[in-house]
């Protein structure tokens, strides 16, 4: 991961002003992480869920959490009969604290998991080492391990289905994007028609499609029917920067949920 000066300052600022900074708070006491066993689909994919229950006033983070957040990470290398795993994310909330914007969840969130067994007719022995940020006014890293035997069967879980239904809605619209060089990368400006019902308080998030590229906080401007999202993309030090326009993603988060679209045309 590449840390920019602005990201470092944002993280230090959050630490400096936090009323719980320096406390002995145990992050594992602030979040309960469990695995919902889910069910096997007719196509052979096992649908499970990672449930995170947070104490009041605490939060955890979305896949693109902002400059001072820690995205969740799951390591499935200790599992058997598992060849691929995908984590899905319901629509998140936007938080502002001491001038720092972060994106995540409060209360309880279920992250749907799409698990592909090598033998769809056999049980799966799954082990996930989970790393996430558990945060009040500052963010503390938390690690835990969840294990389960997932049979080739099961019953669809309405809680997991609800989390899947709450994912950002994919909209079929093509964006225009312009790129301009900056000292250590490029600045990307993406324009689109403002999604219905979002309003001027909408927050856009740009993702590059390449986890090695650092992306700054996205600046969002809504003027009437137009939304413009701007962010800086910076590669690892010394590495070339290659931007694949077809993988650039914009998620727009508003009071009524979230929408997203992938890919853009030069403009």
C-alpha atoms as a PDB file:
ATOM      1  CA  UNK A   1       0.000   0.000   0.000  1.00  0.00           C
ATOM      2  CA  UNK A   2       1.253   3.488  -0.837  1.00  0.00           C
ATOM      3  CA  UNK A   3       0.771   6.162   1.811  1.00  0.00           C
ATOM      4  CA  UNK A   4       0.566   9.760   0.637  1.00  0.00           C
ATOM      5  CA  UNK A   5       1.373  12.697   2.880  1.00  0.00           C
ATOM      6  CA  UNK A   6      -2.328  13.621   3.045  1.00  0.00           C
ATOM      7  CA  UNK A   7      -3.250  10.091   4.115  1.00  0.00           C
ATOM      8  CA  UNK A   8      -0.600  10.074   6.845  1.00  0.00           C
ATOM      9  CA  UNK A   9      -1.779  13.456   8.126  1.00  0.00           C
ATOM     10  CA  UNK A  10      -5.403  12.285   8.155  1.00  0.00           C
ATOM     11  CA  UNK A  11      -4.526   9.217  10.205  1.00  0.00           C
ATOM     12  CA  UNK A  12      -2.373  11.214  12.653  1.00  0.00           C
ATOM     13  CA  UNK A  13      -5.115  13.834  12.985  1.00  0.00           C
ATOM     14  CA  UNK A  14      -7.656  11.182  13.899  1.00  0.00           C
ATOM     15  CA  UNK A  15      -5.292   9.803  16.553  1.00  0.00           C
ATOM     16  CA  UNK A  16      -4.464  13.223  17.969  1.00  0.00           C
ATOM     17  CA  UNK A  17      -8.035  14.376  18.583  1.00  0.00           C
ATOM     18  CA  UNK A  18      -9.577  11.088  19.710  1.00  0.00           C
ATOM     19  CA  UNK A  19     -10.943  10.971  23.264  1.00  0.00           C
ATOM     20  CA  UNK A  20     -10.044   7.276  23.426  1.00  0.00           C
ATOM     21  CA  UNK A  21      -6.512   7.641  22.072  1.00  0.00           C
ATOM     22  CA  UNK A  22      -4.042   5.816  24.291  1.00  0.00           C
ATOM     23  CA  UNK A  23      -6.775   3.832  26.022  1.00  0.00           C
ATOM     24  CA  UNK A  24      -6.489   0.112  26.640  1.00  0.00           C
ATOM     25  CA  UNK A  25      -9.694  -0.648  24.758  1.00  0.00           C
ATOM     26  CA  UNK A  26      -9.706  -4.201  23.406  1.00  0.00           C
ATOM     27  CA  UNK A  27     -11.040  -4.157  19.829  1.00  0.00           C
ATOM     28  CA  UNK A  28     -12.269  -7.752  20.154  1.00  0.00           C
ATOM     29  CA  UNK A  29     -14.579  -6.586  22.961  1.00  0.00           C
ATOM     30  CA  UNK A  30     -16.084  -3.977  20.649  1.00  0.00           C
ATOM     31  CA  UNK A  31     -16.918  -6.308  17.756  1.00  0.00           C
ATOM     32  CA  UNK A  32     -18.257  -9.852  17.595  1.00  0.00           C
ATOM     33  CA  UNK A  33     -17.366 -11.631  14.344  1.00  0.00           C
ATOM     34  CA  UNK A  34     -19.152 -14.866  13.409  1.00  0.00           C
ATOM     35  CA  UNK A  35     -19.671 -16.951  10.278  1.00  0.00           C
ATOM     36  CA  UNK A  36     -23.221 -17.617   9.083  1.00  0.00           C
ATOM     37  CA  UNK A  37     -23.170 -21.055   7.369  1.00  0.00           C
ATOM     38  CA  UNK A  38     -25.579 -20.228   4.558  1.00  0.00           C
ATOM     39  CA  UNK A  39     -26.427 -22.617   1.739  1.00  0.00           C
ATOM     40  CA  UNK A  40     -25.162 -24.279  -1.456  1.00  0.00           C
ATOM     41  CA  UNK A  41     -26.753 -23.060  -4.687  1.00  0.00           C
ATOM     42  CA  UNK A  42     -27.810 -25.216  -7.613  1.00  0.00           C
ATOM     43  CA  UNK A  43     -24.733 -23.909  -9.468  1.00  0.00           C
ATOM     44  CA  UNK A  44     -22.452 -25.252  -6.726  1.00  0.00           C
ATOM     45  CA  UNK A  45     -21.529 -21.906  -5.109  1.00  0.00           C
ATOM     46  CA  UNK A  46     -21.802 -21.753  -1.326  1.00  0.00           C
ATOM     47  CA  UNK A  47     -23.372 -18.518  -0.055  1.00  0.00           C
ATOM     48  CA  UNK A  48     -22.290 -17.729   3.517  1.00  0.00           C
ATOM     49  CA  UNK A  49     -22.041 -14.526   5.559  1.00  0.00           C
ATOM     50  CA  UNK A  50     -19.550 -12.798   7.831  1.00  0.00           C
ATOM     51  CA  UNK A  51     -21.579 -11.132  10.565  1.00  0.00           C
ATOM     52  CA  UNK A  52     -19.974  -8.235  12.463  1.00  0.00           C
ATOM     53  CA  UNK A  53     -21.824  -6.933  15.531  1.00  0.00           C
ATOM     54  CA  UNK A  54     -20.452  -3.680  16.938  1.00  0.00           C
ATOM     55  CA  UNK A  55     -20.847  -2.032  20.319  1.00  0.00           C
ATOM     56  CA  UNK A  56     -22.735   1.308  20.317  1.00  0.00           C
ATOM     57  CA  UNK A  57     -20.568   4.163  19.030  1.00  0.00           C
ATOM     58  CA  UNK A  58     -18.163   1.847  17.196  1.00  0.00           C
ATOM     59  CA  UNK A  59     -17.837   1.239  13.483  1.00  0.00           C
ATOM     60  CA  UNK A  60     -15.984  -0.868  10.974  1.00  0.00           C
ATOM     61  CA  UNK A  61     -15.070  -0.178   7.376  1.00  0.00           C
ATOM     62  CA  UNK A  62     -16.162  -0.720   3.779  1.00  0.00           C
ATOM     63  CA  UNK A  63     -13.917  -2.076   0.992  1.00  0.00           C
ATOM     64  CA  UNK A  64     -12.807   1.496   0.120  1.00  0.00           C
ATOM     65  CA  UNK A  65     -12.825   3.062   3.591  1.00  0.00           C
ATOM     66  CA  UNK A  66     -11.189   6.440   3.022  1.00  0.00           C
ATOM     67  CA  UNK A  67      -7.742   7.708   3.889  1.00  0.00           C
ATOM     68  CA  UNK A  68      -7.883   6.886   7.622  1.00  0.00           C
ATOM     69  CA  UNK A  69      -9.763   3.577   7.462  1.00  0.00           C
ATOM     70  CA  UNK A  70      -8.768  -0.076   7.311  1.00  0.00           C
ATOM     71  CA  UNK A  71     -10.644  -2.260   4.798  1.00  0.00           C
ATOM     72  CA  UNK A  72     -11.601  -5.792   5.846  1.00  0.00           C
ATOM     73  CA  UNK A  73      -9.363  -8.592   4.611  1.00  0.00           C
ATOM     74  CA  UNK A  74     -10.074 -12.339   4.715  1.00  0.00           C
ATOM     75  CA  UNK A  75      -7.369 -14.983   4.302  1.00  0.00           C
ATOM     76  CA  UNK A  76      -8.860 -18.378   3.355  1.00  0.00           C
ATOM     77  CA  UNK A  77      -5.552 -20.242   2.927  1.00  0.00           C
ATOM     78  CA  UNK A  78      -6.309 -22.646   5.800  1.00  0.00           C
ATOM     79  CA  UNK A  79      -9.486 -23.953   4.149  1.00  0.00           C
ATOM     80  CA  UNK A  80     -10.187 -27.269   2.419  1.00  0.00           C
ATOM     81  CA  UNK A  81     -12.370 -27.838  -0.645  1.00  0.00           C
ATOM     82  CA  UNK A  82     -12.254 -24.107  -1.432  1.00  0.00           C
ATOM     83  CA  UNK A  83     -10.821 -22.742  -4.681  1.00  0.00           C
ATOM     84  CA  UNK A  84     -12.174 -19.172  -4.710  1.00  0.00           C
ATOM     85  CA  UNK A  85     -13.823 -16.735  -2.312  1.00  0.00           C
ATOM     86  CA  UNK A  86     -15.476 -13.375  -2.971  1.00  0.00           C
ATOM     87  CA  UNK A  87     -16.573 -10.892  -0.304  1.00  0.00           C
ATOM     88  CA  UNK A  88     -19.579  -8.722  -1.161  1.00  0.00           C
ATOM     89  CA  UNK A  89     -20.458  -5.434   0.533  1.00  0.00           C
ATOM     90  CA  UNK A  90     -23.854  -3.908   1.359  1.00  0.00           C
ATOM     91  CA  UNK A  91     -24.281  -0.165   0.860  1.00  0.00           C
ATOM     92  CA  UNK A  92     -22.213   1.663   3.518  1.00  0.00           C
ATOM     93  CA  UNK A  93     -22.580   4.860   5.546  1.00  0.00           C
ATOM     94  CA  UNK A  94     -20.397   7.980   5.285  1.00  0.00           C
ATOM     95  CA  UNK A  95     -18.781   9.352   8.468  1.00  0.00           C
ATOM     96  CA  UNK A  96     -17.075  12.683   9.132  1.00  0.00           C
ATOM     97  CA  UNK A  97     -14.831  13.169  12.157  1.00  0.00           C
ATOM     98  CA  UNK A  98     -12.319  16.022  12.709  1.00  0.00           C
ATOM     99  CA  UNK A  99     -12.406  16.813   8.995  1.00  0.00           C
ATOM    100  CA  UNK A 100     -11.679  13.223   7.960  1.00  0.00           C
ATOM    101  CA  UNK A 101     -14.173  11.277   5.842  1.00  0.00           C
ATOM    102  CA  UNK A 102     -14.453   7.518   6.248  1.00  0.00           C
ATOM    103  CA  UNK A 103     -16.927   4.979   4.931  1.00  0.00           C
ATOM    104  CA  UNK A 104     -18.247   1.905   6.697  1.00  0.00           C
ATOM    105  CA  UNK A 105     -20.852   0.407   8.997  1.00  0.00           C
ATOM    106  CA  UNK A 106     -22.287   0.757  12.501  1.00  0.00           C
ATOM    107  CA  UNK A 107     -24.450  -1.590  14.577  1.00  0.00           C
ATOM    108  CA  UNK A 108     -24.471  -4.865  12.666  1.00  0.00           C
ATOM    109  CA  UNK A 109     -23.410  -5.701   9.131  1.00  0.00           C
ATOM    110  CA  UNK A 110     -23.377  -8.977   7.222  1.00  0.00           C
ATOM    111  CA  UNK A 111     -20.812  -9.298   4.436  1.00  0.00           C
ATOM    112  CA  UNK A 112     -22.057 -11.960   2.005  1.00  0.00           C
ATOM    113  CA  UNK A 113     -19.433 -14.527   1.002  1.00  0.00           C
ATOM    114  CA  UNK A 114     -19.509 -16.413  -2.309  1.00  0.00           C
ATOM    115  CA  UNK A 115     -17.382 -19.537  -1.831  1.00  0.00           C
ATOM    116  CA  UNK A 116     -16.495 -21.873  -4.695  1.00  0.00           C
ATOM    117  CA  UNK A 117     -15.718 -25.475  -3.667  1.00  0.00           C
ATOM    118  CA  UNK A 118     -13.511 -27.721  -5.775  1.00  0.00           C
ATOM    119  CA  UNK A 119     -16.071 -30.496  -5.212  1.00  0.00           C
ATOM    120  CA  UNK A 120     -19.583 -28.968  -5.034  1.00  0.00           C
ATOM    121  CA  UNK A 121     -21.044 -32.251  -3.736  1.00  0.00           C
ATOM    122  CA  UNK A 122     -18.747 -32.357  -0.685  1.00  0.00           C
ATOM    123  CA  UNK A 123     -18.650 -30.356   2.556  1.00  0.00           C
ATOM    124  CA  UNK A 124     -16.239 -27.444   2.872  1.00  0.00           C
ATOM    125  CA  UNK A 125     -13.869 -27.040   5.824  1.00  0.00           C
ATOM    126  CA  UNK A 126     -13.389 -23.282   5.882  1.00  0.00           C
ATOM    127  CA  UNK A 127     -11.028 -21.194   7.980  1.00  0.00           C
ATOM    128  CA  UNK A 128     -10.857 -17.428   7.519  1.00  0.00           C
ATOM    129  CA  UNK A 129      -8.301 -15.205   9.221  1.00  0.00           C
ATOM    130  CA  UNK A 130     -10.157 -11.895   9.415  1.00  0.00           C
ATOM    131  CA  UNK A 131      -8.414  -8.521   9.662  1.00  0.00           C
ATOM    132  CA  UNK A 132     -10.458  -5.347  10.011  1.00  0.00           C
ATOM    133  CA  UNK A 133     -10.507  -1.943  11.633  1.00  0.00           C
ATOM    134  CA  UNK A 134     -12.727  -1.462  14.676  1.00  0.00           C
ATOM    135  CA  UNK A 135     -13.109   2.195  15.353  1.00  0.00           C
ATOM    136  CA  UNK A 136     -14.518   4.824  17.686  1.00  0.00           C
ATOM    137  CA  UNK A 137     -12.846   8.148  16.989  1.00  0.00           C
ATOM    138  CA  UNK A 138      -9.672   6.277  16.126  1.00  0.00           C
ATOM    139  CA  UNK A 139      -9.249   2.979  14.335  1.00  0.00           C
ATOM    140  CA  UNK A 140      -7.665  -0.051  15.962  1.00  0.00           C
ATOM    141  CA  UNK A 141      -6.718  -3.115  13.923  1.00  0.00           C
ATOM    142  CA  UNK A 142      -8.452  -6.333  14.943  1.00  0.00           C
ATOM    143  CA  UNK A 143      -7.693  -9.895  13.899  1.00  0.00           C
ATOM    144  CA  UNK A 144      -9.772 -12.974  14.549  1.00  0.00           C
ATOM    145  CA  UNK A 145     -10.341 -16.405  13.019  1.00  0.00           C
ATOM    146  CA  UNK A 146     -13.651 -18.000  12.085  1.00  0.00           C
ATOM    147  CA  UNK A 147     -14.067 -21.680  11.218  1.00  0.00           C
ATOM    148  CA  UNK A 148     -16.959 -23.820  10.033  1.00  0.00           C
ATOM    149  CA  UNK A 149     -17.918 -26.980   8.207  1.00  0.00           C
ATOM    150  CA  UNK A 150     -20.285 -26.011   5.409  1.00  0.00           C
ATOM    151  CA  UNK A 151     -22.363 -28.931   4.125  1.00  0.00           C
ATOM    152  CA  UNK A 152     -23.414 -29.407   0.510  1.00  0.00           C
ATOM    153  CA  UNK A 153     -26.918 -28.199   1.226  1.00  0.00           C
ATOM    154  CA  UNK A 154     -28.342 -25.835   3.797  1.00  0.00           C
ATOM    155  CA  UNK A 155     -31.262 -23.437   3.760  1.00  0.00           C
ATOM    156  CA  UNK A 156     -31.196 -19.929   2.249  1.00  0.00           C
ATOM    157  CA  UNK A 157     -30.620 -17.424   5.062  1.00  0.00           C
ATOM    158  CA  UNK A 158     -32.915 -14.367   4.865  1.00  0.00           C
ATOM    159  CA  UNK A 159     -30.321 -12.193   6.630  1.00  0.00           C
ATOM    160  CA  UNK A 160     -27.680 -12.980   3.999  1.00  0.00           C
ATOM    161  CA  UNK A 161     -30.217 -12.487   1.223  1.00  0.00           C
ATOM    162  CA  UNK A 162     -31.117  -9.077   2.675  1.00  0.00           C
ATOM    163  CA  UNK A 163     -27.434  -8.094   2.730  1.00  0.00           C
ATOM    164  CA  UNK A 164     -27.069  -9.122  -0.924  1.00  0.00           C
ATOM    165  CA  UNK A 165     -30.162  -7.108  -1.821  1.00  0.00           C
ATOM    166  CA  UNK A 166     -28.632  -4.075  -0.058  1.00  0.00           C
ATOM    167  CA  UNK A 167     -25.534  -3.975  -2.265  1.00  0.00           C
ATOM    168  CA  UNK A 168     -25.049  -0.820  -4.341  1.00  0.00           C
ATOM    169  CA  UNK A 169     -27.354  -1.011  -7.346  1.00  0.00           C
ATOM    170  CA  UNK A 170     -25.488  -1.284 -10.632  1.00  0.00           C
ATOM    171  CA  UNK A 171     -26.624   1.384 -13.087  1.00  0.00           C
ATOM    172  CA  UNK A 172     -26.164   1.058 -16.812  1.00  0.00           C
ATOM    173  CA  UNK A 173     -24.596   4.395 -17.655  1.00  0.00           C
ATOM    174  CA  UNK A 174     -21.298   5.221 -19.296  1.00  0.00           C
ATOM    175  CA  UNK A 175     -19.114   7.815 -17.631  1.00  0.00           C
ATOM    176  CA  UNK A 176     -16.730  10.256 -19.200  1.00  0.00           C
ATOM    177  CA  UNK A 177     -13.325  10.563 -17.565  1.00  0.00           C
ATOM    178  CA  UNK A 178     -10.404  12.928 -18.004  1.00  0.00           C
ATOM    179  CA  UNK A 179      -6.896  12.409 -16.664  1.00  0.00           C
ATOM    180  CA  UNK A 180      -4.187  14.953 -15.895  1.00  0.00           C
ATOM    181  CA  UNK A 181      -0.677  14.267 -14.562  1.00  0.00           C
ATOM    182  CA  UNK A 182       0.273  15.260 -11.022  1.00  0.00           C
ATOM    183  CA  UNK A 183       3.675  15.040  -9.320  1.00  0.00           C
ATOM    184  CA  UNK A 184       3.377  11.369  -8.314  1.00  0.00           C
ATOM    185  CA  UNK A 185       0.490  10.020 -10.388  1.00  0.00           C
ATOM    186  CA  UNK A 186      -2.618  11.239 -12.182  1.00  0.00           C
ATOM    187  CA  UNK A 187      -5.763  13.132 -11.273  1.00  0.00           C
ATOM    188  CA  UNK A 188      -8.922  11.484 -12.589  1.00  0.00           C
ATOM    189  CA  UNK A 189     -12.152  13.420 -13.111  1.00  0.00           C
ATOM    190  CA  UNK A 190     -15.240  11.364 -13.818  1.00  0.00           C
ATOM    191  CA  UNK A 191     -18.576  12.882 -14.804  1.00  0.00           C
ATOM    192  CA  UNK A 192     -22.026  11.351 -14.904  1.00  0.00           C
ATOM    193  CA  UNK A 193     -25.683  12.186 -14.575  1.00  0.00           C
ATOM    194  CA  UNK A 194     -26.474  12.474 -10.859  1.00  0.00           C
ATOM    195  CA  UNK A 195     -28.388   9.353  -9.778  1.00  0.00           C
ATOM    196  CA  UNK A 196     -32.041   9.953  -8.961  1.00  0.00           C
ATOM    197  CA  UNK A 197     -32.797  10.676  -5.321  1.00  0.00           C
ATOM    198  CA  UNK A 198     -29.191  11.248  -4.215  1.00  0.00           C
ATOM    199  CA  UNK A 199     -29.303  15.031  -3.776  1.00  0.00           C
ATOM    200  CA  UNK A 200     -26.403  17.431  -3.233  1.00  0.00           C
ATOM    201  CA  UNK A 201     -25.206  15.504  -0.160  1.00  0.00           C
ATOM    202  CA  UNK A 202     -24.224  12.498  -2.303  1.00  0.00           C
ATOM    203  CA  UNK A 203     -20.692  11.166  -1.796  1.00  0.00           C
ATOM    204  CA  UNK A 204     -18.846   9.491  -4.672  1.00  0.00           C
ATOM    205  CA  UNK A 205     -15.973   7.037  -4.285  1.00  0.00           C
ATOM    206  CA  UNK A 206     -13.574   6.229  -7.126  1.00  0.00           C
ATOM    207  CA  UNK A 207     -11.825   2.837  -7.155  1.00  0.00           C
ATOM    208  CA  UNK A 208      -9.034   2.045  -9.613  1.00  0.00           C
ATOM    209  CA  UNK A 209      -9.575  -1.701  -9.966  1.00  0.00           C
ATOM    210  CA  UNK A 210      -5.910  -2.241  -8.982  1.00  0.00           C
ATOM    211  CA  UNK A 211      -5.310  -2.687  -5.224  1.00  0.00           C
ATOM    212  CA  UNK A 212      -1.671  -1.577  -5.558  1.00  0.00           C
ATOM    213  CA  UNK A 213      -2.744   1.938  -6.622  1.00  0.00           C
ATOM    214  CA  UNK A 214      -3.469   4.371  -3.809  1.00  0.00           C
ATOM    215  CA  UNK A 215      -6.592   6.488  -4.359  1.00  0.00           C
ATOM    216  CA  UNK A 216      -7.194   9.738  -2.501  1.00  0.00           C
ATOM    217  CA  UNK A 217     -10.498  10.786  -0.989  1.00  0.00           C
ATOM    218  CA  UNK A 218     -12.860  11.570  -3.838  1.00  0.00           C
ATOM    219  CA  UNK A 219     -14.083  15.132  -4.202  1.00  0.00           C
ATOM    220  CA  UNK A 220     -17.764  15.122  -5.156  1.00  0.00           C
ATOM    221  CA  UNK A 221     -19.581  18.043  -6.771  1.00  0.00           C
ATOM    222  CA  UNK A 222     -23.284  17.862  -7.630  1.00  0.00           C
ATOM    223  CA  UNK A 223     -24.749  20.635  -9.740  1.00  0.00           C
ATOM    224  CA  UNK A 224     -28.306  20.033 -10.840  1.00  0.00           C
ATOM    225  CA  UNK A 225     -28.390  16.857 -12.900  1.00  0.00           C
ATOM    226  CA  UNK A 226     -24.583  16.541 -13.146  1.00  0.00           C
ATOM    227  CA  UNK A 227     -22.189  14.807 -10.747  1.00  0.00           C
ATOM    228  CA  UNK A 228     -18.415  15.140 -11.040  1.00  0.00           C
ATOM    229  CA  UNK A 229     -16.051  12.954  -8.991  1.00  0.00           C
ATOM    230  CA  UNK A 230     -12.318  13.721  -8.782  1.00  0.00           C
ATOM    231  CA  UNK A 231      -9.508  11.745  -7.126  1.00  0.00           C
ATOM    232  CA  UNK A 232      -5.733  11.323  -7.310  1.00  0.00           C
ATOM    233  CA  UNK A 233      -4.298   7.919  -8.232  1.00  0.00           C
ATOM    234  CA  UNK A 234      -0.738   7.145  -7.137  1.00  0.00           C
ATOM    235  CA  UNK A 235       1.232   3.942  -7.917  1.00  0.00           C
ATOM    236  CA  UNK A 236       3.767   2.310  -5.577  1.00  0.00           C
ATOM    237  CA  UNK A 237       7.041   4.214  -5.467  1.00  0.00           C
ATOM    238  CA  UNK A 238       9.070   3.562  -8.585  1.00  0.00           C
ATOM    239  CA  UNK A 239       6.328   1.607 -10.345  1.00  0.00           C
ATOM    240  CA  UNK A 240       4.731   2.690 -13.620  1.00  0.00           C
ATOM    241  CA  UNK A 241       1.128   3.858 -13.487  1.00  0.00           C
ATOM    242  CA  UNK A 242      -1.210   2.111 -15.903  1.00  0.00           C
ATOM    243  CA  UNK A 243      -4.881   3.045 -15.647  1.00  0.00           C
ATOM    244  CA  UNK A 244      -7.404   0.688 -17.198  1.00  0.00           C
ATOM    245  CA  UNK A 245     -10.441   2.854 -17.923  1.00  0.00           C
ATOM    246  CA  UNK A 246     -12.654  -0.232 -18.178  1.00  0.00           C
ATOM    247  CA  UNK A 247     -11.948  -1.052 -14.486  1.00  0.00           C
ATOM    248  CA  UNK A 248     -12.462   2.392 -12.975  1.00  0.00           C
ATOM    249  CA  UNK A 249     -15.463   2.206 -10.666  1.00  0.00           C
ATOM    250  CA  UNK A 250     -17.580   4.961  -9.156  1.00  0.00           C
ATOM    251  CA  UNK A 251     -19.923   4.298  -6.250  1.00  0.00           C
ATOM    252  CA  UNK A 252     -22.316   7.070  -5.256  1.00  0.00           C
ATOM    253  CA  UNK A 253     -23.623   6.893  -1.691  1.00  0.00           C
ATOM    254  CA  UNK A 254     -26.690   8.839  -0.620  1.00  0.00           C
ATOM    255  CA  UNK A 255     -29.452   8.834   1.993  1.00  0.00           C
ATOM    256  CA  UNK A 256     -31.421   6.215   0.060  1.00  0.00           C
ATOM    257  CA  UNK A 257     -28.645   3.711  -0.548  1.00  0.00           C
ATOM    258  CA  UNK A 258     -25.913   3.504  -3.142  1.00  0.00           C
ATOM    259  CA  UNK A 259     -25.392   2.952  -6.871  1.00  0.00           C
ATOM    260  CA  UNK A 260     -22.277   2.081  -8.825  1.00  0.00           C
ATOM    261  CA  UNK A 261     -20.993   1.870 -12.367  1.00  0.00           C
ATOM    262  CA  UNK A 262     -17.788   0.566 -13.912  1.00  0.00           C
ATOM    263  CA  UNK A 263     -15.834   1.831 -16.911  1.00  0.00           C
ATOM    264  CA  UNK A 264     -15.497   5.208 -18.562  1.00  0.00           C
ATOM    265  CA  UNK A 265     -14.804   6.833 -21.896  1.00  0.00           C
ATOM    266  CA  UNK A 266     -12.178   9.522 -22.497  1.00  0.00           C
ATOM    267  CA  UNK A 267     -13.697  12.924 -22.222  1.00  0.00           C
END
